[in-house]
N, C-alpha and C. Protein backbone atom coordinates (compact mmCIF):
# COMPACT_ATOMS: atom_id res chain seq x y z
N MET A 1 -3.19 132.87 29.29
CA MET A 1 -4.08 132.31 28.31
C MET A 1 -4.80 131.11 28.93
N ARG A 2 -6.11 131.06 28.79
CA ARG A 2 -6.91 129.97 29.34
C ARG A 2 -6.83 128.76 28.42
N PRO A 3 -6.73 127.56 29.03
CA PRO A 3 -6.73 126.37 28.18
C PRO A 3 -8.12 126.14 27.59
N THR A 4 -8.15 125.68 26.38
CA THR A 4 -9.43 125.40 25.74
C THR A 4 -10.00 124.10 26.30
N PRO A 5 -11.31 123.92 26.21
CA PRO A 5 -11.89 122.67 26.69
C PRO A 5 -11.32 121.45 25.97
N LEU A 6 -10.94 121.62 24.70
CA LEU A 6 -10.37 120.51 23.95
C LEU A 6 -9.04 120.07 24.55
N SER A 7 -8.18 121.03 24.90
CA SER A 7 -6.89 120.67 25.47
C SER A 7 -7.04 120.08 26.86
N THR A 8 -8.03 120.53 27.62
CA THR A 8 -8.29 119.97 28.94
C THR A 8 -8.78 118.54 28.81
N ALA A 9 -9.67 118.28 27.86
CA ALA A 9 -10.18 116.93 27.66
C ALA A 9 -9.06 116.02 27.15
N LEU A 10 -8.21 116.54 26.29
CA LEU A 10 -7.09 115.75 25.78
C LEU A 10 -6.15 115.37 26.91
N PHE A 11 -5.85 116.31 27.79
CA PHE A 11 -4.99 116.03 28.94
C PHE A 11 -5.62 114.96 29.83
N GLY A 12 -6.93 115.05 30.06
CA GLY A 12 -7.62 114.06 30.88
C GLY A 12 -7.58 112.68 30.25
N ARG A 13 -7.77 112.61 28.94
CA ARG A 13 -7.73 111.31 28.26
C ARG A 13 -6.34 110.69 28.32
N VAL A 14 -5.32 111.51 28.10
CA VAL A 14 -3.95 111.01 28.15
C VAL A 14 -3.60 110.55 29.57
N LEU A 15 -4.01 111.31 30.55
CA LEU A 15 -3.75 110.94 31.94
C LEU A 15 -4.45 109.63 32.30
N LEU A 16 -5.70 109.48 31.90
CA LEU A 16 -6.43 108.24 32.19
C LEU A 16 -5.81 107.04 31.48
N ALA A 17 -5.28 107.23 30.31
CA ALA A 17 -4.63 106.13 29.60
C ALA A 17 -3.26 105.81 30.19
N ALA A 18 -2.61 106.81 30.78
CA ALA A 18 -1.26 106.61 31.32
C ALA A 18 -1.27 105.95 32.69
N ILE A 19 -2.35 106.06 33.43
CA ILE A 19 -2.38 105.49 34.78
C ILE A 19 -2.18 103.97 34.77
N PRO A 20 -2.95 103.20 33.98
CA PRO A 20 -2.70 101.75 33.97
C PRO A 20 -1.32 101.40 33.43
N PHE A 21 -0.85 102.14 32.44
CA PHE A 21 0.49 101.89 31.90
C PHE A 21 1.54 102.06 32.99
N ALA A 22 1.44 103.15 33.74
CA ALA A 22 2.42 103.40 34.80
C ALA A 22 2.31 102.36 35.91
N ALA A 23 1.09 101.94 36.23
CA ALA A 23 0.91 100.95 37.29
C ALA A 23 1.49 99.60 36.89
N LEU A 24 1.47 99.29 35.60
CA LEU A 24 1.97 98.00 35.13
C LEU A 24 3.44 98.02 34.73
N THR A 25 4.06 99.19 34.67
CA THR A 25 5.47 99.24 34.29
C THR A 25 6.33 99.90 35.38
N VAL A 26 6.01 101.11 35.71
CA VAL A 26 6.84 101.87 36.64
C VAL A 26 6.70 101.37 38.08
N ALA A 27 5.50 100.98 38.46
CA ALA A 27 5.25 100.62 39.86
C ALA A 27 5.63 99.18 40.20
N ILE A 28 5.94 98.36 39.21
CA ILE A 28 6.25 96.95 39.49
C ILE A 28 7.41 96.79 40.48
N PRO A 29 8.53 97.50 40.34
CA PRO A 29 9.59 97.33 41.35
C PRO A 29 9.16 97.77 42.75
N LEU A 30 8.21 98.66 42.85
CA LEU A 30 7.77 99.14 44.15
C LEU A 30 6.85 98.16 44.87
N VAL A 31 6.15 97.32 44.12
CA VAL A 31 5.19 96.40 44.72
C VAL A 31 5.65 94.95 44.62
N ASN A 32 6.90 94.71 44.26
CA ASN A 32 7.41 93.36 44.09
C ASN A 32 7.61 92.72 45.46
N ARG A 33 6.55 92.12 45.98
CA ARG A 33 6.57 91.47 47.29
C ARG A 33 5.88 90.11 47.19
N ILE A 34 6.33 89.17 47.99
CA ILE A 34 5.66 87.88 48.05
C ILE A 34 4.55 87.93 49.10
N GLU A 35 4.83 88.57 50.22
CA GLU A 35 3.82 88.73 51.26
C GLU A 35 3.36 90.18 51.26
N PRO A 36 2.14 90.50 51.47
CA PRO A 36 1.00 89.66 51.79
C PRO A 36 0.50 88.92 50.55
N ARG A 37 -0.35 87.97 50.79
CA ARG A 37 -0.95 87.21 49.69
C ARG A 37 -2.39 87.67 49.50
N ILE A 38 -2.81 87.69 48.24
CA ILE A 38 -4.17 88.08 47.89
C ILE A 38 -4.82 86.86 47.24
N PHE A 39 -5.80 86.30 47.91
CA PHE A 39 -6.47 85.09 47.44
C PHE A 39 -5.47 83.98 47.12
N GLY A 40 -4.42 83.87 47.93
CA GLY A 40 -3.42 82.83 47.76
C GLY A 40 -2.33 83.17 46.76
N MET A 41 -2.44 84.31 46.09
CA MET A 41 -1.44 84.72 45.10
C MET A 41 -0.46 85.69 45.75
N PRO A 42 0.79 85.69 45.31
CA PRO A 42 1.71 86.73 45.79
C PRO A 42 1.17 88.12 45.42
N PHE A 43 1.54 89.10 46.21
CA PHE A 43 1.01 90.45 46.03
C PHE A 43 1.25 90.97 44.63
N LEU A 44 2.44 90.71 44.07
CA LEU A 44 2.76 91.20 42.74
C LEU A 44 1.80 90.64 41.69
N LEU A 45 1.49 89.37 41.77
CA LEU A 45 0.56 88.77 40.82
C LEU A 45 -0.84 89.36 41.00
N GLY A 46 -1.27 89.59 42.23
CA GLY A 46 -2.55 90.23 42.48
C GLY A 46 -2.59 91.65 41.94
N TRP A 47 -1.48 92.38 42.08
CA TRP A 47 -1.37 93.76 41.57
C TRP A 47 -1.53 93.77 40.05
N ILE A 48 -0.81 92.89 39.37
CA ILE A 48 -0.87 92.84 37.91
C ILE A 48 -2.27 92.45 37.45
N LEU A 49 -2.85 91.45 38.08
CA LEU A 49 -4.20 91.01 37.71
C LEU A 49 -5.22 92.12 37.92
N ALA A 50 -5.12 92.82 39.03
CA ALA A 50 -6.07 93.91 39.32
C ALA A 50 -5.97 95.01 38.26
N TRP A 51 -4.76 95.37 37.86
CA TRP A 51 -4.61 96.44 36.87
C TRP A 51 -4.99 95.99 35.48
N ILE A 52 -4.79 94.71 35.17
CA ILE A 52 -5.24 94.22 33.87
C ILE A 52 -6.77 94.26 33.80
N LEU A 53 -7.44 93.96 34.89
CA LEU A 53 -8.89 94.03 34.92
C LEU A 53 -9.41 95.46 34.98
N ALA A 54 -8.65 96.38 35.57
CA ALA A 54 -9.09 97.77 35.71
C ALA A 54 -8.77 98.62 34.49
N ALA A 55 -7.79 98.24 33.69
CA ALA A 55 -7.37 99.05 32.55
C ALA A 55 -8.51 99.32 31.56
N PRO A 56 -9.36 98.35 31.21
CA PRO A 56 -10.45 98.68 30.29
C PRO A 56 -11.41 99.73 30.85
N ALA A 57 -11.60 99.77 32.15
CA ALA A 57 -12.47 100.79 32.73
C ALA A 57 -11.85 102.19 32.55
N PHE A 58 -10.56 102.30 32.76
CA PHE A 58 -9.88 103.59 32.55
C PHE A 58 -9.99 104.02 31.09
N LEU A 59 -9.78 103.08 30.17
CA LEU A 59 -9.85 103.42 28.75
C LEU A 59 -11.28 103.73 28.32
N TRP A 60 -12.27 103.09 28.93
CA TRP A 60 -13.67 103.39 28.63
C TRP A 60 -13.99 104.83 29.04
N VAL A 61 -13.55 105.22 30.23
CA VAL A 61 -13.79 106.59 30.70
C VAL A 61 -13.07 107.58 29.80
N ALA A 62 -11.84 107.26 29.38
CA ALA A 62 -11.11 108.14 28.47
C ALA A 62 -11.85 108.27 27.15
N GLY A 63 -12.45 107.20 26.68
CA GLY A 63 -13.23 107.28 25.44
C GLY A 63 -14.48 108.11 25.62
N LYS A 64 -15.10 108.06 26.79
CA LYS A 64 -16.28 108.87 27.05
C LYS A 64 -15.95 110.36 27.11
N LEU A 65 -14.71 110.69 27.46
CA LEU A 65 -14.29 112.10 27.52
C LEU A 65 -14.03 112.67 26.14
N GLU A 66 -13.91 111.80 25.16
CA GLU A 66 -13.64 112.27 23.80
C GLU A 66 -14.84 113.06 23.30
N THR A 67 -14.58 114.21 22.74
CA THR A 67 -15.67 115.05 22.23
C THR A 67 -16.11 114.52 20.87
N ARG A 68 -17.37 114.43 20.67
CA ARG A 68 -17.93 113.98 19.41
C ARG A 68 -18.23 115.20 18.52
N PRO A 69 -17.91 115.13 17.21
CA PRO A 69 -18.19 116.27 16.34
C PRO A 69 -19.66 116.42 16.06
């Protein structure tokens, strides 16, 4: 059975919303390092800041994938 375009779009939206969540929760133990430094900040702080700034872009794209009636 072929997936419908609605289910494909739903999967894409959920995946796009889950990426920042996973980067800010699951990946934290993997990137918990003091060195290297990013603009004088420990790497972990730079990682969190980058994902906080990138999360709205992911959610904007997920909203654009939403089908309008």
